[in-house]
Amino acid sequence: MNITSLLSIILTLFCLMATGFLCRKLGVITNESSKGLSKLILWVGQPMLILTALEKAEYSTENLTVGWQVTLIGFVMHLLLCVLAFFICKALKGSPDQSKIFEFSLVFANCGFIGFPILDSILGDGVGSFMGAFFVISFHLYIWTWGIMILGRGRDDIRMTVKKALVNFGTIPCLIGIAIYLLKPLFELPDFCGKVFDYLGSLCTPISVLVTGALIATIPLSKMFTNKKLYLHSAIKLIAFPIVICLLAKLVGLGDTYILLVTAMAGMPSAATVTMLGELYDIDPAYASQTVGLTSILCTFTLPVIMMLAQWIITI
């Protein structure tokens, strides 16, 4: 793991976030444009990011093995996070809506938009995003099943359906990307297809981080930085969970690369999806924004430390 490369990408993301913050304060990014950019990322950027990672990867039996192993690891890790978050939130007191946001954002991390470039900096360019593309399969299935069930507690208008779980902006690109990858021995896509995927996928990280910064600019910073519960959430999300995941991965005998993978994914800030769903279903969107905002800021400091700790744990 190259700590210098990791610090470089972390600082880059922080500067992009700060730029988004200033753009919102100066009126360059407005509420309308922010929502439009979010849709662009959700409908175009994210699918293309997944397709790019799988289209670029060299087909081999070894890579295919890595793919299904990462997918399985992702399912187990999300299951563990779901269980931990459920009991943690059950023990804490709070309003029903804030408890939902607290639990949801503990489980689901920004493992795509921010996760892919972080993984590339840790595991190597192309390698990290390839593994990340398989990891997010579990993310999308869990978010549209267990995630919707969390938000739907006590509500009759929010229901988990098989269609939502199987047909969404994450699972469909994953399935198409896997199909493209598996068919590589038979035929290769024309070069222009790969370039289209790459250009559109490259929009994902900068725009999503700009939007995150713009989102933070709409939050009363005094409330965000003085809310003790948000710091508790951040400590669990950004420190406790990745350490627990790292130690468990070491104990069960996962390889060094897989330990770094799961630790990094567990240490990502809360997924921006929580804000979008909070607004969509009117579940305390302000608190959801503060959760995403604070974890995104603090992650720039916690993740390098967590990854250095993971590197040390690997050597034990």
C-alpha atoms as a PDB file:
ATOM      1  CA  MET A   1       0.000   0.000   0.000  1.00  0.00           C
ATOM      2  CA  ASN A   2       1.329   3.409  -1.034  1.00  0.00           C
ATOM      3  CA  ILE A   3       0.486   5.831   1.783  1.00  0.00           C
ATOM      4  CA  THR A   4       1.805   8.784  -0.247  1.00  0.00           C
ATOM      5  CA  SER A   5      -0.582   7.954  -3.086  1.00  0.00           C
ATOM      6  CA  LEU A   6      -3.466   7.570  -0.625  1.00  0.00           C
ATOM      7  CA  LEU A   7      -2.726  10.936   1.005  1.00  0.00           C
ATOM      8  CA  SER A   8      -2.532  12.530  -2.430  1.00  0.00           C
ATOM      9  CA  ILE A   9      -5.976  11.305  -3.485  1.00  0.00           C
ATOM     10  CA  ILE A  10      -7.442  12.198  -0.070  1.00  0.00           C
ATOM     11  CA  LEU A  11      -6.127  15.766  -0.370  1.00  0.00           C
ATOM     12  CA  THR A  12      -7.406  15.949  -3.938  1.00  0.00           C
ATOM     13  CA  LEU A  13     -10.899  14.907  -2.842  1.00  0.00           C
ATOM     14  CA  PHE A  14     -10.792  17.397   0.034  1.00  0.00           C
ATOM     15  CA  CYS A  15      -9.896  20.237  -2.365  1.00  0.00           C
ATOM     16  CA  LEU A  16     -12.726  19.202  -4.702  1.00  0.00           C
ATOM     17  CA  MET A  17     -15.109  19.226  -1.741  1.00  0.00           C
ATOM     18  CA  ALA A  18     -13.908  22.687  -0.719  1.00  0.00           C
ATOM     19  CA  THR A  19     -14.426  23.880  -4.304  1.00  0.00           C
ATOM     20  CA  GLY A  20     -17.995  22.583  -4.238  1.00  0.00           C
ATOM     21  CA  PHE A  21     -18.548  24.393  -0.941  1.00  0.00           C
ATOM     22  CA  LEU A  22     -17.351  27.701  -2.425  1.00  0.00           C
ATOM     23  CA  CYS A  23     -19.361  27.181  -5.613  1.00  0.00           C
ATOM     24  CA  ARG A  24     -22.541  26.781  -3.567  1.00  0.00           C
ATOM     25  CA  LYS A  25     -21.761  29.841  -1.444  1.00  0.00           C
ATOM     26  CA  LEU A  26     -21.097  31.906  -4.587  1.00  0.00           C
ATOM     27  CA  GLY A  27     -24.237  30.665  -6.313  1.00  0.00           C
ATOM     28  CA  VAL A  28     -22.410  28.769  -9.060  1.00  0.00           C
ATOM     29  CA  ILE A  29     -24.095  25.583  -7.834  1.00  0.00           C
ATOM     30  CA  THR A  30     -27.756  26.103  -6.942  1.00  0.00           C
ATOM     31  CA  ASN A  31     -30.374  23.759  -5.497  1.00  0.00           C
ATOM     32  CA  GLU A  32     -31.640  22.997  -8.989  1.00  0.00           C
ATOM     33  CA  SER A  33     -28.211  22.396 -10.511  1.00  0.00           C
ATOM     34  CA  SER A  34     -27.174  20.294  -7.509  1.00  0.00           C
ATOM     35  CA  LYS A  35     -30.171  18.019  -7.995  1.00  0.00           C
ATOM     36  CA  GLY A  36     -29.446  17.847 -11.722  1.00  0.00           C
ATOM     37  CA  LEU A  37     -25.821  16.912 -11.110  1.00  0.00           C
ATOM     38  CA  SER A  38     -26.917  14.262  -8.589  1.00  0.00           C
ATOM     39  CA  LYS A  39     -29.187  12.729 -11.229  1.00  0.00           C
ATOM     40  CA  LEU A  40     -26.350  12.847 -13.767  1.00  0.00           C
ATOM     41  CA  ILE A  41     -24.112  10.915 -11.388  1.00  0.00           C
ATOM     42  CA  LEU A  42     -26.819   8.437 -10.405  1.00  0.00           C
ATOM     43  CA  TRP A  43     -28.105   7.773 -13.912  1.00  0.00           C
ATOM     44  CA  VAL A  44     -24.907   8.125 -15.966  1.00  0.00           C
ATOM     45  CA  GLY A  45     -21.715   8.502 -13.941  1.00  0.00           C
ATOM     46  CA  GLN A  46     -22.114   5.587 -11.544  1.00  0.00           C
ATOM     47  CA  PRO A  47     -23.190   3.022 -14.184  1.00  0.00           C
ATOM     48  CA  MET A  48     -20.326   4.070 -16.471  1.00  0.00           C
ATOM     49  CA  LEU A  49     -17.836   3.906 -13.587  1.00  0.00           C
ATOM     50  CA  ILE A  50     -18.794   0.286 -12.975  1.00  0.00           C
ATOM     51  CA  LEU A  51     -18.726  -0.596 -16.683  1.00  0.00           C
ATOM     52  CA  THR A  52     -15.321   1.063 -17.117  1.00  0.00           C
ATOM     53  CA  ALA A  53     -13.767  -0.943 -14.285  1.00  0.00           C
ATOM     54  CA  LEU A  54     -14.976  -4.260 -15.705  1.00  0.00           C
ATOM     55  CA  GLU A  55     -14.355  -3.390 -19.362  1.00  0.00           C
ATOM     56  CA  LYS A  56     -10.738  -2.412 -18.684  1.00  0.00           C
ATOM     57  CA  ALA A  57      -9.879  -5.493 -16.617  1.00  0.00           C
ATOM     58  CA  GLU A  58      -7.952  -8.273 -18.296  1.00  0.00           C
ATOM     59  CA  TYR A  59      -9.904 -11.518 -18.429  1.00  0.00           C
ATOM     60  CA  SER A  60      -8.276 -14.425 -16.622  1.00  0.00           C
ATOM     61  CA  THR A  61      -9.269 -17.316 -14.419  1.00  0.00           C
ATOM     62  CA  GLU A  62      -7.447 -15.618 -11.547  1.00  0.00           C
ATOM     63  CA  ASN A  63      -9.366 -12.357 -11.991  1.00  0.00           C
ATOM     64  CA  LEU A  64     -12.641 -14.254 -12.269  1.00  0.00           C
ATOM     65  CA  THR A  65     -11.857 -15.968  -8.963  1.00  0.00           C
ATOM     66  CA  VAL A  66     -11.057 -12.605  -7.382  1.00  0.00           C
ATOM     67  CA  GLY A  67     -14.377 -11.251  -8.661  1.00  0.00           C
ATOM     68  CA  TRP A  68     -16.624 -13.855  -7.073  1.00  0.00           C
ATOM     69  CA  GLN A  69     -14.574 -13.863  -3.862  1.00  0.00           C
ATOM     70  CA  VAL A  70     -14.912 -10.072  -3.524  1.00  0.00           C
ATOM     71  CA  THR A  71     -18.651 -10.342  -4.200  1.00  0.00           C
ATOM     72  CA  LEU A  72     -19.019 -12.952  -1.452  1.00  0.00           C
ATOM     73  CA  ILE A  73     -16.886 -10.906   0.957  1.00  0.00           C
ATOM     74  CA  GLY A  74     -19.055  -7.860   0.226  1.00  0.00           C
ATOM     75  CA  PHE A  75     -22.243  -9.759   1.082  1.00  0.00           C
ATOM     76  CA  VAL A  76     -20.805 -11.051   4.373  1.00  0.00           C
ATOM     77  CA  MET A  77     -19.389  -7.654   5.333  1.00  0.00           C
ATOM     78  CA  HIS A  78     -22.677  -5.839   4.682  1.00  0.00           C
ATOM     79  CA  LEU A  79     -24.558  -8.477   6.665  1.00  0.00           C
ATOM     80  CA  LEU A  80     -22.227  -7.925   9.622  1.00  0.00           C
ATOM     81  CA  LEU A  81     -22.596  -4.135   9.367  1.00  0.00           C
ATOM     82  CA  CYS A  82     -26.392  -4.465   9.226  1.00  0.00           C
ATOM     83  CA  VAL A  83     -26.411  -6.519  12.432  1.00  0.00           C
ATOM     84  CA  LEU A  84     -23.989  -4.223  14.279  1.00  0.00           C
ATOM     85  CA  ALA A  85     -25.832  -1.056  13.238  1.00  0.00           C
ATOM     86  CA  PHE A  86     -29.210  -2.515  14.208  1.00  0.00           C
ATOM     87  CA  PHE A  87     -28.176  -3.310  17.787  1.00  0.00           C
ATOM     88  CA  ILE A  88     -26.199  -0.074  18.203  1.00  0.00           C
ATOM     89  CA  CYS A  89     -29.195   2.027  17.159  1.00  0.00           C
ATOM     90  CA  LYS A  90     -31.518  -0.076  19.306  1.00  0.00           C
ATOM     91  CA  ALA A  91     -29.399   0.830  22.331  1.00  0.00           C
ATOM     92  CA  LEU A  92     -29.357   4.541  21.520  1.00  0.00           C
ATOM     93  CA  LYS A  93     -32.253   6.890  22.123  1.00  0.00           C
ATOM     94  CA  GLY A  94     -33.453   9.360  19.551  1.00  0.00           C
ATOM     95  CA  SER A  95     -36.317  10.394  17.335  1.00  0.00           C
ATOM     96  CA  PRO A  96     -37.580   7.669  14.971  1.00  0.00           C
ATOM     97  CA  ASP A  97     -36.442   9.532  11.854  1.00  0.00           C
ATOM     98  CA  GLN A  98     -32.969  10.330  13.179  1.00  0.00           C
ATOM     99  CA  SER A  99     -32.573   6.727  14.343  1.00  0.00           C
ATOM    100  CA  LYS A 100     -33.370   5.549  10.812  1.00  0.00           C
ATOM    101  CA  ILE A 101     -30.809   7.912   9.289  1.00  0.00           C
ATOM    102  CA  PHE A 102     -28.246   6.972  11.943  1.00  0.00           C
ATOM    103  CA  GLU A 103     -28.621   3.243  11.249  1.00  0.00           C
ATOM    104  CA  PHE A 104     -28.838   3.567   7.460  1.00  0.00           C
ATOM    105  CA  SER A 105     -25.740   5.744   7.216  1.00  0.00           C
ATOM    106  CA  LEU A 106     -23.750   3.436   9.511  1.00  0.00           C
ATOM    107  CA  VAL A 107     -24.274   0.539   7.119  1.00  0.00           C
ATOM    108  CA  PHE A 108     -23.962   2.175   3.721  1.00  0.00           C
ATOM    109  CA  ALA A 109     -20.772   3.929   2.709  1.00  0.00           C
ATOM    110  CA  ASN A 110     -19.698   5.931  -0.303  1.00  0.00           C
ATOM    111  CA  CYS A 111     -17.929   2.892  -1.727  1.00  0.00           C
ATOM    112  CA  GLY A 112     -18.393   3.810  -5.396  1.00  0.00           C
ATOM    113  CA  PHE A 113     -17.947   7.528  -6.053  1.00  0.00           C
ATOM    114  CA  ILE A 114     -15.117   7.954  -3.549  1.00  0.00           C
ATOM    115  CA  GLY A 115     -14.304   4.289  -2.961  1.00  0.00           C
ATOM    116  CA  PHE A 116     -13.032   3.459  -6.458  1.00  0.00           C
ATOM    117  CA  PRO A 117     -10.284   6.130  -6.647  1.00  0.00           C
ATOM    118  CA  ILE A 118      -9.304   5.372  -3.041  1.00  0.00           C
ATOM    119  CA  LEU A 119      -9.012   1.658  -3.810  1.00  0.00           C
ATOM    120  CA  ASP A 120      -6.935   2.401  -6.910  1.00  0.00           C
ATOM    121  CA  SER A 121      -4.551   4.465  -4.785  1.00  0.00           C
ATOM    122  CA  ILE A 122      -4.240   1.628  -2.256  1.00  0.00           C
ATOM    123  CA  LEU A 123      -4.280  -1.504  -4.418  1.00  0.00           C
ATOM    124  CA  GLY A 124      -3.022  -0.154  -7.733  1.00  0.00           C
ATOM    125  CA  ASP A 125      -4.583   1.663 -10.659  1.00  0.00           C
ATOM    126  CA  GLY A 126      -7.286  -0.509 -12.221  1.00  0.00           C
ATOM    127  CA  VAL A 127      -6.941  -3.273  -9.638  1.00  0.00           C
ATOM    128  CA  GLY A 128      -8.836  -1.379  -6.944  1.00  0.00           C
ATOM    129  CA  SER A 129     -11.688  -0.274  -9.201  1.00  0.00           C
ATOM    130  CA  PHE A 130     -11.981  -3.809 -10.637  1.00  0.00           C
ATOM    131  CA  MET A 131     -12.417  -5.262  -7.155  1.00  0.00           C
ATOM    132  CA  GLY A 132     -14.667  -2.361  -6.192  1.00  0.00           C
ATOM    133  CA  ALA A 133     -16.995  -3.085  -9.115  1.00  0.00           C
ATOM    134  CA  PHE A 134     -17.699  -6.549  -7.710  1.00  0.00           C
ATOM    135  CA  PHE A 135     -17.922  -5.253  -4.142  1.00  0.00           C
ATOM    136  CA  VAL A 136     -20.697  -2.771  -4.954  1.00  0.00           C
ATOM    137  CA  ILE A 137     -22.971  -5.588  -6.140  1.00  0.00           C
ATOM    138  CA  SER A 138     -23.700  -6.386  -2.496  1.00  0.00           C
ATOM    139  CA  PHE A 139     -23.973  -2.675  -1.664  1.00  0.00           C
ATOM    140  CA  HIS A 140     -26.786  -2.133  -4.157  1.00  0.00           C
ATOM    141  CA  LEU A 141     -28.696  -5.282  -3.252  1.00  0.00           C
ATOM    142  CA  TYR A 142     -28.543  -4.470   0.462  1.00  0.00           C
ATOM    143  CA  ILE A 143     -29.416  -0.799   0.055  1.00  0.00           C
ATOM    144  CA  TRP A 144     -32.582  -1.601  -1.901  1.00  0.00           C
ATOM    145  CA  THR A 145     -33.645  -4.364   0.492  1.00  0.00           C
ATOM    146  CA  TRP A 146     -32.449  -3.855   4.070  1.00  0.00           C
ATOM    147  CA  GLY A 147     -31.879  -0.148   3.524  1.00  0.00           C
ATOM    148  CA  ILE A 148     -35.454   0.408   2.355  1.00  0.00           C
ATOM    149  CA  MET A 149     -36.726  -1.712   5.242  1.00  0.00           C
ATOM    150  CA  ILE A 150     -34.860   0.573   7.690  1.00  0.00           C
ATOM    151  CA  LEU A 151     -36.404   3.706   6.198  1.00  0.00           C
ATOM    152  CA  GLY A 152     -39.831   2.078   5.937  1.00  0.00           C
ATOM    153  CA  ARG A 153     -40.254   1.272   9.627  1.00  0.00           C
ATOM    154  CA  GLY A 154     -43.545   2.728  10.769  1.00  0.00           C
ATOM    155  CA  ARG A 155     -44.358   3.927   7.261  1.00  0.00           C
ATOM    156  CA  ASP A 156     -46.913   2.383   4.897  1.00  0.00           C
ATOM    157  CA  ASP A 157     -45.711   4.352   1.872  1.00  0.00           C
ATOM    158  CA  ILE A 158     -42.158   2.938   1.845  1.00  0.00           C
ATOM    159  CA  ARG A 159     -41.964  -0.693   0.814  1.00  0.00           C
ATOM    160  CA  MET A 160     -39.190  -2.992  -0.220  1.00  0.00           C
ATOM    161  CA  THR A 161     -39.998  -4.786  -3.476  1.00  0.00           C
ATOM    162  CA  VAL A 162     -38.217  -7.420  -5.520  1.00  0.00           C
ATOM    163  CA  LYS A 163     -38.154  -5.000  -8.444  1.00  0.00           C
ATOM    164  CA  LYS A 164     -36.366  -2.316  -6.399  1.00  0.00           C
ATOM    165  CA  ALA A 165     -33.833  -4.874  -5.184  1.00  0.00           C
ATOM    166  CA  LEU A 166     -33.028  -6.284  -8.631  1.00  0.00           C
ATOM    167  CA  VAL A 167     -33.650  -3.367 -10.988  1.00  0.00           C
ATOM    168  CA  ASN A 168     -31.842  -0.164 -10.003  1.00  0.00           C
ATOM    169  CA  PHE A 169     -29.022   2.099 -11.159  1.00  0.00           C
ATOM    170  CA  GLY A 170     -26.445  -0.096  -9.457  1.00  0.00           C
ATOM    171  CA  THR A 171     -27.421  -3.709 -10.078  1.00  0.00           C
ATOM    172  CA  ILE A 172     -28.168  -3.330 -13.805  1.00  0.00           C
ATOM    173  CA  PRO A 173     -24.740  -1.801 -14.657  1.00  0.00           C
ATOM    174  CA  CYS A 174     -23.119  -4.495 -12.486  1.00  0.00           C
ATOM    175  CA  LEU A 175     -24.885  -7.262 -14.426  1.00  0.00           C
ATOM    176  CA  ILE A 176     -24.079  -5.666 -17.799  1.00  0.00           C
ATOM    177  CA  GLY A 177     -20.456  -5.153 -16.778  1.00  0.00           C
ATOM    178  CA  ILE A 178     -20.098  -8.738 -15.586  1.00  0.00           C
ATOM    179  CA  ALA A 179     -21.622  -9.970 -18.868  1.00  0.00           C
ATOM    180  CA  ILE A 180     -19.132  -7.858 -20.844  1.00  0.00           C
ATOM    181  CA  TYR A 181     -16.294  -9.230 -18.745  1.00  0.00           C
ATOM    182  CA  LEU A 182     -17.356 -12.873 -19.037  1.00  0.00           C
ATOM    183  CA  LEU A 183     -17.777 -12.581 -22.823  1.00  0.00           C
ATOM    184  CA  LYS A 184     -14.271 -11.165 -23.331  1.00  0.00           C
ATOM    185  CA  PRO A 185     -12.829 -14.540 -24.442  1.00  0.00           C
ATOM    186  CA  LEU A 186     -15.385 -14.535 -27.284  1.00  0.00           C
ATOM    187  CA  PHE A 187     -15.234 -10.914 -28.417  1.00  0.00           C
ATOM    188  CA  GLU A 188     -13.947  -7.499 -27.384  1.00  0.00           C
ATOM    189  CA  LEU A 189     -15.992  -4.321 -27.470  1.00  0.00           C
ATOM    190  CA  PRO A 190     -14.864  -1.715 -30.027  1.00  0.00           C
ATOM    191  CA  ASP A 191     -12.342   0.774 -28.689  1.00  0.00           C
ATOM    192  CA  PHE A 192     -14.805   3.662 -28.853  1.00  0.00           C
ATOM    193  CA  CYS A 193     -17.117   1.874 -26.366  1.00  0.00           C
ATOM    194  CA  GLY A 194     -14.360   1.731 -23.795  1.00  0.00           C
ATOM    195  CA  LYS A 195     -13.598   5.410 -24.349  1.00  0.00           C
ATOM    196  CA  VAL A 196     -17.252   6.358 -23.932  1.00  0.00           C
ATOM    197  CA  PHE A 197     -17.443   4.366 -20.671  1.00  0.00           C
ATOM    198  CA  ASP A 198     -14.194   5.951 -19.469  1.00  0.00           C
ATOM    199  CA  TYR A 199     -15.133   9.556 -20.289  1.00  0.00           C
ATOM    200  CA  LEU A 200     -18.568   9.306 -18.696  1.00  0.00           C
ATOM    201  CA  GLY A 201     -17.337   7.303 -15.710  1.00  0.00           C
ATOM    202  CA  SER A 202     -14.614   9.879 -15.060  1.00  0.00           C
ATOM    203  CA  LEU A 203     -17.352  12.446 -14.390  1.00  0.00           C
ATOM    204  CA  CYS A 204     -18.455  10.492 -11.350  1.00  0.00           C
ATOM    205  CA  THR A 205     -15.840  11.247  -8.722  1.00  0.00           C
ATOM    206  CA  PRO A 206     -15.236  14.994  -9.296  1.00  0.00           C
ATOM    207  CA  ILE A 207     -18.898  15.882  -9.725  1.00  0.00           C
ATOM    208  CA  SER A 208     -20.088  13.762  -6.794  1.00  0.00           C
ATOM    209  CA  VAL A 209     -17.464  15.318  -4.480  1.00  0.00           C
ATOM    210  CA  LEU A 210     -18.331  18.819  -5.730  1.00  0.00           C
ATOM    211  CA  VAL A 211     -21.987  18.121  -4.980  1.00  0.00           C
ATOM    212  CA  THR A 212     -21.051  16.839  -1.511  1.00  0.00           C
ATOM    213  CA  GLY A 213     -19.165  20.082  -0.848  1.00  0.00           C
ATOM    214  CA  ALA A 214     -22.136  22.090  -2.134  1.00  0.00           C
ATOM    215  CA  LEU A 215     -24.401  20.085   0.146  1.00  0.00           C
ATOM    216  CA  ILE A 216     -22.234  20.914   3.179  1.00  0.00           C
ATOM    217  CA  ALA A 217     -22.545  24.612   2.271  1.00  0.00           C
ATOM    218  CA  THR A 218     -26.318  24.415   2.790  1.00  0.00           C
ATOM    219  CA  ILE A 219     -25.953  23.075   6.329  1.00  0.00           C
ATOM    220  CA  PRO A 220     -25.566  25.353   9.367  1.00  0.00           C
ATOM    221  CA  LEU A 221     -21.969  24.420  10.177  1.00  0.00           C
ATOM    222  CA  SER A 222     -22.405  25.416  13.812  1.00  0.00           C
ATOM    223  CA  LYS A 223     -25.094  22.754  14.207  1.00  0.00           C
ATOM    224  CA  MET A 224     -23.102  20.130  12.365  1.00  0.00           C
ATOM    225  CA  PHE A 225     -19.854  20.685  14.263  1.00  0.00           C
ATOM    226  CA  THR A 226     -21.529  20.935  17.680  1.00  0.00           C
ATOM    227  CA  ASN A 227     -23.836  17.923  17.399  1.00  0.00           C
ATOM    228  CA  LYS A 228     -22.385  15.292  19.760  1.00  0.00           C
ATOM    229  CA  LYS A 229     -24.492  12.532  18.233  1.00  0.00           C
ATOM    230  CA  LEU A 230     -22.946  13.187  14.825  1.00  0.00           C
ATOM    231  CA  TYR A 231     -19.480  12.772  16.321  1.00  0.00           C
ATOM    232  CA  LEU A 232     -20.578   9.499  17.925  1.00  0.00           C
ATOM    233  CA  HIS A 233     -21.885   8.354  14.558  1.00  0.00           C
ATOM    234  CA  SER A 234     -18.638   9.386  12.844  1.00  0.00           C
ATOM    235  CA  ALA A 235     -16.515   7.606  15.455  1.00  0.00           C
ATOM    236  CA  ILE A 236     -18.445   4.366  14.944  1.00  0.00           C
ATOM    237  CA  LYS A 237     -18.576   4.696  11.162  1.00  0.00           C
ATOM    238  CA  LEU A 238     -15.044   5.903  10.435  1.00  0.00           C
ATOM    239  CA  ILE A 239     -13.029   4.327  13.264  1.00  0.00           C
ATOM    240  CA  ALA A 240     -14.768   1.484  15.121  1.00  0.00           C
ATOM    241  CA  PHE A 241     -16.318  -0.308  12.137  1.00  0.00           C
ATOM    242  CA  PRO A 242     -13.192  -0.395   9.922  1.00  0.00           C
ATOM    243  CA  ILE A 243     -11.039  -1.572  12.841  1.00  0.00           C
ATOM    244  CA  VAL A 244     -13.526  -4.344  13.698  1.00  0.00           C
ATOM    245  CA  ILE A 245     -13.761  -5.376  10.032  1.00  0.00           C
ATOM    246  CA  CYS A 246      -9.973  -5.339   9.671  1.00  0.00           C
ATOM    247  CA  LEU A 247      -9.413  -7.478  12.764  1.00  0.00           C
ATOM    248  CA  LEU A 248     -12.092  -9.979  11.744  1.00  0.00           C
ATOM    249  CA  ALA A 249     -10.647 -10.208   8.233  1.00  0.00           C
ATOM    250  CA  LYS A 250      -7.240 -10.938   9.754  1.00  0.00           C
ATOM    251  CA  LEU A 251      -8.679 -13.531  12.153  1.00  0.00           C
ATOM    252  CA  VAL A 252     -10.499 -15.470   9.421  1.00  0.00           C
ATOM    253  CA  GLY A 253      -7.337 -15.568   7.328  1.00  0.00           C
ATOM    254  CA  LEU A 254      -8.175 -13.283   4.399  1.00  0.00           C
ATOM    255  CA  GLY A 255      -5.274 -12.283   2.175  1.00  0.00           C
ATOM    256  CA  ASP A 256      -3.511  -8.946   2.603  1.00  0.00           C
ATOM    257  CA  THR A 257      -5.213  -7.393  -0.427  1.00  0.00           C
ATOM    258  CA  TYR A 258      -8.670  -8.396   0.811  1.00  0.00           C
ATOM    259  CA  ILE A 259      -7.929  -7.021   4.291  1.00  0.00           C
ATOM    260  CA  LEU A 260      -6.989  -3.660   2.798  1.00  0.00           C
ATOM    261  CA  LEU A 261     -10.074  -3.764   0.559  1.00  0.00           C
ATOM    262  CA  VAL A 262     -12.635  -4.366   3.325  1.00  0.00           C
ATOM    263  CA  THR A 263     -10.938  -1.947   5.724  1.00  0.00           C
ATOM    264  CA  ALA A 264     -10.978   0.837   3.140  1.00  0.00           C
ATOM    265  CA  MET A 265     -14.600   0.178   2.183  1.00  0.00           C
ATOM    266  CA  ALA A 266     -15.664   0.113   5.844  1.00  0.00           C
ATOM    267  CA  GLY A 267     -13.829   3.398   6.451  1.00  0.00           C
ATOM    268  CA  MET A 268     -15.567   5.370   3.693  1.00  0.00           C
ATOM    269  CA  PRO A 269     -17.933   8.235   4.641  1.00  0.00           C
ATOM    270  CA  SER A 270     -21.680   7.686   4.667  1.00  0.00           C
ATOM    271  CA  ALA A 271     -23.251   7.222   1.248  1.00  0.00           C
ATOM    272  CA  ALA A 272     -24.731  10.320  -0.372  1.00  0.00           C
ATOM    273  CA  THR A 273     -27.730   8.108  -1.152  1.00  0.00           C
ATOM    274  CA  VAL A 274     -28.966   8.648   2.411  1.00  0.00           C
ATOM    275  CA  THR A 275     -29.476  12.332   1.665  1.00  0.00           C
ATOM    276  CA  MET A 276     -31.327  11.655  -1.585  1.00  0.00           C
ATOM    277  CA  LEU A 277     -33.605   9.097   0.054  1.00  0.00           C
ATOM    278  CA  GLY A 278     -34.079  11.338   3.098  1.00  0.00           C
ATOM    279  CA  GLU A 279     -35.326  14.097   0.810  1.00  0.00           C
ATOM    280  CA  LEU A 280     -37.423  11.713  -1.281  1.00  0.00           C
ATOM    281  CA  TYR A 281     -39.242  10.207   1.718  1.00  0.00           C
ATOM    282  CA  ASP A 282     -39.077  13.302   3.980  1.00  0.00           C
ATOM    283  CA  ILE A 283     -37.035  11.534   6.668  1.00  0.00           C
ATOM    284  CA  ASP A 284     -35.167  14.378   8.386  1.00  0.00           C
ATOM    285  CA  PRO A 285     -33.162  15.373   5.278  1.00  0.00           C
ATOM    286  CA  ALA A 286     -31.274  18.047   7.251  1.00  0.00           C
ATOM    287  CA  TYR A 287     -29.888  15.431   9.663  1.00  0.00           C
ATOM    288  CA  ALA A 288     -29.085  13.138   6.735  1.00  0.00           C
ATOM    289  CA  SER A 289     -27.117  15.962   5.087  1.00  0.00           C
ATOM    290  CA  GLN A 290     -25.206  16.654   8.295  1.00  0.00           C
ATOM    291  CA  THR A 291     -24.331  12.967   8.612  1.00  0.00           C
ATOM    292  CA  VAL A 292     -22.954  12.770   5.083  1.00  0.00           C
ATOM    293  CA  GLY A 293     -21.240  16.134   5.431  1.00  0.00           C
ATOM    294  CA  LEU A 294     -19.398  15.466   8.679  1.00  0.00           C
ATOM    295  CA  THR A 295     -18.279  11.933   7.777  1.00  0.00           C
ATOM    296  CA  SER A 296     -17.043  13.212   4.393  1.00  0.00           C
ATOM    297  CA  ILE A 297     -14.930  15.881   6.088  1.00  0.00           C
ATOM    298  CA  LEU A 298     -13.589  13.703   8.904  1.00  0.00           C
ATOM    299  CA  CYS A 299     -12.819  10.824   6.531  1.00  0.00           C
ATOM    300  CA  THR A 300     -10.003  12.867   5.004  1.00  0.00           C
ATOM    301  CA  PHE A 301      -8.249  12.636   8.376  1.00  0.00           C
ATOM    302  CA  THR A 302      -9.330   9.213   9.649  1.00  0.00           C
ATOM    303  CA  LEU A 303      -8.885   7.049   6.543  1.00  0.00           C
ATOM    304  CA  PRO A 304      -5.087   7.441   6.145  1.00  0.00           C
ATOM    305  CA  VAL A 305      -4.635   6.585   9.841  1.00  0.00           C
ATOM    306  CA  ILE A 306      -6.983   3.599   9.593  1.00  0.00           C
ATOM    307  CA  MET A 307      -5.176   2.275   6.514  1.00  0.00           C
ATOM    308  CA  MET A 308      -1.780   2.602   8.192  1.00  0.00           C
ATOM    309  CA  LEU A 309      -3.211   0.690  11.157  1.00  0.00           C
ATOM    310  CA  ALA A 310      -4.513  -1.981   8.772  1.00  0.00           C
ATOM    311  CA  GLN A 311      -1.064  -2.269   7.207  1.00  0.00           C
ATOM    312  CA  TRP A 312       0.401  -2.826  10.674  1.00  0.00           C
ATOM    313  CA  ILE A 313      -2.259  -5.411  11.584  1.00  0.00           C
ATOM    314  CA  ILE A 314      -1.409  -7.333   8.410  1.00  0.00           C
ATOM    315  CA  THR A 315       2.176  -7.702   9.562  1.00  0.00           C
ATOM    316  CA  ILE A 316       1.252  -9.150  12.960  1.00  0.00           C
END
